[in-house]
């Protein structure tokens, strides 16, 4: 985006036209709005804020019950990380550098997950690995 130069009057003129349009549209809204429209909007806003407040209150009470049941958190949960198996316990075979490649094909063959280059195929890799074993 380029900034307007010091001698340019284009930008302030555009801003002025936008403000005039903004004020003109609000004048139009003021002219066509009735008292019933305003009260309906206020009732709608009141109901919306009340429902939101009730939802937040229910959520806080729910969290307080969990706290009373389990007690305070004394430490963070430890999560076991395995770079050889995924969360479904499939064996992970990496044939590409997953941090550097832009496109990676993921195939699951026989309970094993293969990360390959887009031109590679898991069936051929699986055949090669089973034949060499």
Protein backbone atom coordinates (compact mmCIF):
# COMPACT_ATOMS: atom_id res chain seq x y z
CA UNK A 1 0.00 0.00 0.00
CA UNK A 2 1.42 3.37 -0.99
CA UNK A 3 1.06 6.42 1.16
CA UNK A 4 -0.15 9.60 -0.42
CA UNK A 5 2.57 12.18 -0.87
CA UNK A 6 2.63 15.51 0.98
CA UNK A 7 1.18 17.39 -1.97
CA UNK A 8 -1.60 14.87 -2.66
CA UNK A 9 -5.16 15.91 -1.81
CA UNK A 10 -6.72 12.66 -2.97
CA UNK A 11 -6.66 10.85 0.37
CA UNK A 12 -8.26 13.59 2.52
CA UNK A 13 -10.95 14.08 -0.12
CA UNK A 14 -11.79 10.36 -0.07
CA UNK A 15 -11.91 10.38 3.73
CA UNK A 16 -14.19 13.42 3.73
CA UNK A 17 -16.55 11.76 1.23
CA UNK A 18 -16.67 8.61 3.36
CA UNK A 19 -17.55 10.62 6.48
CA UNK A 20 -20.27 12.55 4.63
CA UNK A 21 -21.69 9.24 3.40
CA UNK A 22 -21.56 7.80 6.93
CA UNK A 23 -23.42 10.77 8.43
CA UNK A 24 -25.93 10.78 5.59
CA UNK A 25 -26.77 7.12 6.09
CA UNK A 26 -27.26 7.63 9.85
CA UNK A 27 -29.59 10.57 9.11
CA UNK A 28 -31.60 8.24 6.87
CA UNK A 29 -31.75 5.60 9.63
CA UNK A 30 -32.91 8.27 12.12
CA UNK A 31 -35.70 9.39 9.77
CA UNK A 32 -37.15 5.92 9.14
CA UNK A 33 -36.74 4.47 12.67
CA UNK A 34 -39.83 4.32 14.86
CA UNK A 35 -40.12 4.10 18.65
CA UNK A 36 -41.28 0.49 18.26
CA UNK A 37 -38.06 -0.35 16.37
CA UNK A 38 -35.97 1.09 19.21
CA UNK A 39 -37.89 -0.73 21.96
CA UNK A 40 -37.79 -4.01 20.02
CA UNK A 41 -34.03 -3.63 19.64
CA UNK A 42 -33.61 -2.91 23.35
CA UNK A 43 -35.72 -5.95 24.30
CA UNK A 44 -33.70 -8.12 21.93
CA UNK A 45 -30.42 -6.82 23.36
CA UNK A 46 -31.67 -7.35 26.93
CA UNK A 47 -32.68 -10.94 26.21
CA UNK A 48 -29.38 -11.62 24.45
CA UNK A 49 -27.31 -10.28 27.36
CA UNK A 50 -29.44 -12.21 29.87
CA UNK A 51 -29.04 -15.48 27.96
CA UNK A 52 -25.29 -14.94 27.66
CA UNK A 53 -25.01 -14.17 31.38
CA UNK A 54 -26.98 -17.31 32.22
CA UNK A 55 -24.75 -19.42 29.98
CA UNK A 56 -21.59 -18.03 31.58
CA UNK A 57 -23.03 -18.63 35.06
CA UNK A 58 -23.85 -22.25 34.23
CA UNK A 59 -20.32 -22.75 32.85
CA UNK A 60 -18.72 -21.25 35.99
CA UNK A 61 -20.87 -23.45 38.27
CA UNK A 62 -19.87 -26.47 36.18
CA UNK A 63 -16.17 -25.62 36.57
CA UNK A 64 -16.59 -25.08 40.32
CA UNK A 65 -18.16 -28.55 40.65
CA UNK A 66 -15.23 -30.09 38.77
CA UNK A 67 -12.81 -28.23 41.06
CA UNK A 68 -14.61 -29.46 44.21
CA UNK A 69 -14.64 -33.03 42.90
CA UNK A 70 -11.05 -33.26 41.63
CA UNK A 71 -9.33 -30.54 43.63
CA UNK A 72 -6.80 -28.03 42.35
CA UNK A 73 -4.34 -28.81 39.61
CA UNK A 74 -1.03 -29.52 41.28
CA UNK A 75 1.00 -30.12 38.15
CA UNK A 76 0.63 -30.29 34.41
CA UNK A 77 -0.45 -33.52 32.82
CA UNK A 78 2.35 -35.54 31.35
CA UNK A 79 1.72 -36.67 27.80
CA UNK A 80 3.76 -39.53 26.44
CA UNK A 81 5.24 -38.60 23.08
CA UNK A 82 6.26 -41.22 20.57
CA UNK A 83 7.66 -40.27 17.20
CA UNK A 84 7.43 -43.88 15.96
CA UNK A 85 3.68 -44.43 16.58
CA UNK A 86 0.66 -42.19 16.11
CA UNK A 87 -2.39 -41.85 18.38
CA UNK A 88 -4.01 -44.90 16.71
CA UNK A 89 -0.85 -46.91 17.43
CA UNK A 90 0.07 -47.13 13.72
CA UNK A 91 3.76 -47.46 12.97
CA UNK A 92 5.12 -44.25 11.41
CA UNK A 93 7.65 -44.56 8.57
CA UNK A 94 9.23 -41.31 7.39
CA UNK A 95 10.87 -41.36 3.97
CA UNK A 96 11.01 -37.57 3.70
CA UNK A 97 12.25 -34.70 5.81
CA UNK A 98 8.91 -33.62 7.28
CA UNK A 99 10.23 -30.25 8.44
CA UNK A 100 11.57 -29.19 5.04
CA UNK A 101 9.19 -30.74 2.46
CA UNK A 102 6.30 -28.63 1.21
CA UNK A 103 4.15 -31.48 -0.06
CA UNK A 104 3.89 -34.81 1.77
CA UNK A 105 1.71 -37.79 0.89
CA UNK A 106 0.44 -39.82 3.85
CA UNK A 107 -0.60 -43.41 3.11
CA UNK A 108 -1.72 -46.07 5.55
CA UNK A 109 -0.92 -49.59 4.40
CA UNK A 110 -1.37 -52.64 6.60
CA UNK A 111 -1.50 -50.69 9.85
CA UNK A 112 1.63 -48.67 9.02
CA UNK A 113 1.63 -44.97 8.18
CA UNK A 114 4.00 -43.81 5.43
CA UNK A 115 5.09 -40.21 4.90
CA UNK A 116 6.27 -40.01 1.29
CA UNK A 117 7.16 -37.55 -1.41
CA UNK A 118 4.22 -36.90 -3.77
CA UNK A 119 5.78 -39.12 -6.46
CA UNK A 120 6.24 -42.08 -4.08
CA UNK A 121 3.69 -44.76 -3.31
CA UNK A 122 3.21 -46.62 -0.04
CA UNK A 123 2.49 -49.92 -1.80
CA UNK A 124 5.89 -49.92 -3.48
CA UNK A 125 7.62 -48.95 -0.25
CA UNK A 126 5.71 -51.66 1.66
CA UNK A 127 6.66 -54.24 -0.95
CA UNK A 128 10.28 -53.21 -0.85
CA UNK A 129 10.40 -53.28 2.95
CA UNK A 130 8.68 -56.68 3.20
CA UNK A 131 10.90 -58.16 0.51
CA UNK A 132 14.08 -56.99 2.23
CA UNK A 133 13.09 -58.41 5.62
